[in-house]
Amino acid sequence: MNRAEKRKLRQGRVRRKVRGTEQRPRLSVFRSLHHIYVQVISDESGRTLAAASTAIKEVGAELASRRGLGAAKAVGQAIANQCRERGIGEVVFDRNGFLYHGRVKALAEAAREAGLKF
């Protein structure tokens, strides 16, 4: 089994347990080689309530590199600010099959420090 198949298995395990509601939406993380993306999703209505990534100008323009822990922390702060503006205070964290370390962990901790509750 290759790395992508293992991630899909982990993703399925997490998705069976984690559901986003209107009151407590799901914060889903995706990391690629060059960027990191995060969405706040309500699974009840199937809508994305907020999104941030290093690919958008507001976050990526001020970064020296769009990779690494610094970029992940900036995205975590940006998503927490967007959630605060939209009245979302608490989310369910969905690591999306990625292991909880490195950039995924840095993003989660930055969002927590910026006031988002998991």
C-alpha atoms as a PDB file:
ATOM      1  CA  MET A   1       0.000   0.000   0.000  1.00  0.00           C
ATOM      2  CA  ASN A   2       1.435   3.366  -0.975  1.00  0.00           C
ATOM      3  CA  ARG A   3       1.339   6.611   0.977  1.00  0.00           C
ATOM      4  CA  ALA A   4      -1.778   7.996  -0.736  1.00  0.00           C
ATOM      5  CA  GLU A   5      -3.769   4.818  -0.024  1.00  0.00           C
ATOM      6  CA  LYS A   6      -2.732   4.881   3.640  1.00  0.00           C
ATOM      7  CA  ARG A   7      -3.861   8.507   3.887  1.00  0.00           C
ATOM      8  CA  LYS A   8      -7.254   7.601   2.378  1.00  0.00           C
ATOM      9  CA  LEU A   9      -7.693   4.889   5.028  1.00  0.00           C
ATOM     10  CA  ARG A  10      -6.859   7.320   7.842  1.00  0.00           C
ATOM     11  CA  GLN A  11      -9.153   9.911   6.260  1.00  0.00           C
ATOM     12  CA  GLY A  12     -12.052   7.445   6.209  1.00  0.00           C
ATOM     13  CA  ARG A  13     -11.503   6.498   9.848  1.00  0.00           C
ATOM     14  CA  VAL A  14     -11.548  10.130  10.928  1.00  0.00           C
ATOM     15  CA  ARG A  15     -14.563  11.066   8.749  1.00  0.00           C
ATOM     16  CA  ARG A  16     -16.703   8.316  10.276  1.00  0.00           C
ATOM     17  CA  LYS A  17     -16.307   9.978  13.667  1.00  0.00           C
ATOM     18  CA  VAL A  18     -16.042  13.681  12.809  1.00  0.00           C
ATOM     19  CA  ARG A  19     -19.142  15.562  11.622  1.00  0.00           C
ATOM     20  CA  GLY A  20     -19.524  19.305  11.252  1.00  0.00           C
ATOM     21  CA  THR A  21     -22.776  20.997  12.282  1.00  0.00           C
ATOM     22  CA  GLU A  22     -23.956  24.584  11.901  1.00  0.00           C
ATOM     23  CA  GLN A  23     -23.097  25.289  15.556  1.00  0.00           C
ATOM     24  CA  ARG A  24     -19.773  23.403  15.498  1.00  0.00           C
ATOM     25  CA  PRO A  25     -18.466  23.081  11.919  1.00  0.00           C
ATOM     26  CA  ARG A  26     -15.575  20.904  10.767  1.00  0.00           C
ATOM     27  CA  LEU A  27     -12.170  22.526  10.223  1.00  0.00           C
ATOM     28  CA  SER A  28     -10.560  20.491   7.430  1.00  0.00           C
ATOM     29  CA  VAL A  29      -6.841  20.761   6.595  1.00  0.00           C
ATOM     30  CA  PHE A  30      -5.134  19.858   3.324  1.00  0.00           C
ATOM     31  CA  ARG A  31      -1.418  20.201   2.777  1.00  0.00           C
ATOM     32  CA  SER A  32       0.340  19.919  -0.533  1.00  0.00           C
ATOM     33  CA  LEU A  33       4.008  20.206  -1.302  1.00  0.00           C
ATOM     34  CA  HIS A  34       3.793  23.956  -1.915  1.00  0.00           C
ATOM     35  CA  HIS A  35       0.727  25.203   0.019  1.00  0.00           C
ATOM     36  CA  ILE A  36      -1.502  24.513   2.995  1.00  0.00           C
ATOM     37  CA  TYR A  37      -5.271  24.938   2.777  1.00  0.00           C
ATOM     38  CA  VAL A  38      -7.969  24.992   5.456  1.00  0.00           C
ATOM     39  CA  GLN A  39     -11.764  25.118   5.239  1.00  0.00           C
ATOM     40  CA  VAL A  40     -14.521  25.411   7.820  1.00  0.00           C
ATOM     41  CA  ILE A  41     -17.361  23.189   6.585  1.00  0.00           C
ATOM     42  CA  SER A  42     -20.920  22.553   7.730  1.00  0.00           C
ATOM     43  CA  ASP A  43     -21.719  18.946   6.808  1.00  0.00           C
ATOM     44  CA  GLU A  44     -25.433  19.488   7.511  1.00  0.00           C
ATOM     45  CA  SER A  45     -25.838  22.046   4.733  1.00  0.00           C
ATOM     46  CA  GLY A  46     -22.788  21.023   2.689  1.00  0.00           C
ATOM     47  CA  ARG A  47     -21.444  24.588   2.660  1.00  0.00           C
ATOM     48  CA  THR A  48     -17.985  26.010   3.175  1.00  0.00           C
ATOM     49  CA  LEU A  49     -18.329  28.726   5.809  1.00  0.00           C
ATOM     50  CA  ALA A  50     -14.730  30.028   5.737  1.00  0.00           C
ATOM     51  CA  ALA A  51     -11.488  29.219   3.954  1.00  0.00           C
ATOM     52  CA  ALA A  52      -7.844  30.289   4.027  1.00  0.00           C
ATOM     53  CA  SER A  53      -4.638  29.144   2.396  1.00  0.00           C
ATOM     54  CA  THR A  54      -1.150  30.235   1.488  1.00  0.00           C
ATOM     55  CA  ALA A  55      -2.329  30.474  -2.140  1.00  0.00           C
ATOM     56  CA  ILE A  56      -4.512  33.540  -1.488  1.00  0.00           C
ATOM     57  CA  LYS A  57      -2.948  36.990  -1.574  1.00  0.00           C
ATOM     58  CA  GLU A  58      -4.024  38.119   1.903  1.00  0.00           C
ATOM     59  CA  VAL A  59      -2.067  35.342   3.608  1.00  0.00           C
ATOM     60  CA  GLY A  60       0.664  34.426   1.132  1.00  0.00           C
ATOM     61  CA  ALA A  61       1.837  37.937   0.238  1.00  0.00           C
ATOM     62  CA  GLU A  62       3.317  38.680   3.640  1.00  0.00           C
ATOM     63  CA  LEU A  63       5.205  35.372   3.919  1.00  0.00           C
ATOM     64  CA  ALA A  64       8.827  34.842   2.965  1.00  0.00           C
ATOM     65  CA  SER A  65       8.020  31.237   2.024  1.00  0.00           C
ATOM     66  CA  ARG A  66       4.616  29.675   1.442  1.00  0.00           C
ATOM     67  CA  ARG A  67       5.885  26.374   2.812  1.00  0.00           C
ATOM     68  CA  GLY A  68       6.898  25.447   6.310  1.00  0.00           C
ATOM     69  CA  LEU A  69       5.728  26.069   9.832  1.00  0.00           C
ATOM     70  CA  GLY A  70       5.587  29.857   9.519  1.00  0.00           C
ATOM     71  CA  ALA A  71       3.137  29.623   6.639  1.00  0.00           C
ATOM     72  CA  ALA A  72       0.992  27.096   8.517  1.00  0.00           C
ATOM     73  CA  LYS A  73       0.848  29.389  11.549  1.00  0.00           C
ATOM     74  CA  ALA A  74      -0.209  32.331   9.373  1.00  0.00           C
ATOM     75  CA  VAL A  75      -3.017  30.265   7.825  1.00  0.00           C
ATOM     76  CA  GLY A  76      -4.144  29.141  11.295  1.00  0.00           C
ATOM     77  CA  GLN A  77      -4.391  32.741  12.466  1.00  0.00           C
ATOM     78  CA  ALA A  78      -6.195  33.778   9.277  1.00  0.00           C
ATOM     79  CA  ILE A  79      -8.857  31.069   9.607  1.00  0.00           C
ATOM     80  CA  ALA A  80      -9.396  31.908  13.276  1.00  0.00           C
ATOM     81  CA  ASN A  81      -9.918  35.577  12.366  1.00  0.00           C
ATOM     82  CA  GLN A  82     -12.407  34.662   9.629  1.00  0.00           C
ATOM     83  CA  CYS A  83     -14.311  32.397  12.011  1.00  0.00           C
ATOM     84  CA  ARG A  84     -14.465  35.132  14.632  1.00  0.00           C
ATOM     85  CA  GLU A  85     -15.883  37.552  12.022  1.00  0.00           C
ATOM     86  CA  ARG A  86     -18.573  35.016  11.068  1.00  0.00           C
ATOM     87  CA  GLY A  87     -19.507  34.222  14.677  1.00  0.00           C
ATOM     88  CA  ILE A  88     -17.946  30.746  14.796  1.00  0.00           C
ATOM     89  CA  GLY A  89     -16.201  30.102  18.099  1.00  0.00           C
ATOM     90  CA  GLU A  90     -15.888  26.334  18.215  1.00  0.00           C
ATOM     91  CA  VAL A  91     -14.986  23.780  15.526  1.00  0.00           C
ATOM     92  CA  VAL A  92     -14.253  20.068  15.146  1.00  0.00           C
ATOM     93  CA  PHE A  93     -10.715  19.471  13.869  1.00  0.00           C
ATOM     94  CA  ASP A  94     -10.353  17.193  10.834  1.00  0.00           C
ATOM     95  CA  ARG A  95      -6.736  16.460   9.997  1.00  0.00           C
ATOM     96  CA  ASN A  96      -7.959  14.864   6.755  1.00  0.00           C
ATOM     97  CA  GLY A  97      -5.769  11.757   6.959  1.00  0.00           C
ATOM     98  CA  PHE A  98      -2.560  13.666   7.625  1.00  0.00           C
ATOM     99  CA  LEU A  99      -0.551  12.838  10.720  1.00  0.00           C
ATOM    100  CA  TYR A 100      -0.833  15.385  13.547  1.00  0.00           C
ATOM    101  CA  HIS A 101       2.669  16.831  13.484  1.00  0.00           C
ATOM    102  CA  GLY A 102       4.629  19.446  11.605  1.00  0.00           C
ATOM    103  CA  ARG A 103       2.547  21.866   9.541  1.00  0.00           C
ATOM    104  CA  VAL A 104      -0.816  20.375  10.547  1.00  0.00           C
ATOM    105  CA  LYS A 105       0.022  20.695  14.239  1.00  0.00           C
ATOM    106  CA  ALA A 106       1.397  24.241  13.778  1.00  0.00           C
ATOM    107  CA  LEU A 107      -1.812  25.319  12.022  1.00  0.00           C
ATOM    108  CA  ALA A 108      -4.004  23.852  14.772  1.00  0.00           C
ATOM    109  CA  GLU A 109      -1.993  25.444  17.574  1.00  0.00           C
ATOM    110  CA  ALA A 110      -1.983  28.861  15.856  1.00  0.00           C
ATOM    111  CA  ALA A 111      -5.762  28.707  15.410  1.00  0.00           C
ATOM    112  CA  ARG A 112      -6.173  27.812  19.092  1.00  0.00           C
ATOM    113  CA  GLU A 113      -3.914  30.672  20.178  1.00  0.00           C
ATOM    114  CA  ALA A 114      -5.956  33.070  18.012  1.00  0.00           C
ATOM    115  CA  GLY A 115      -9.107  32.107  19.940  1.00  0.00           C
ATOM    116  CA  LEU A 116     -10.671  29.191  18.040  1.00  0.00           C
ATOM    117  CA  LYS A 117     -11.795  26.312  20.269  1.00  0.00           C
ATOM    118  CA  PHE A 118     -11.437  22.683  19.177  1.00  0.00           C
END
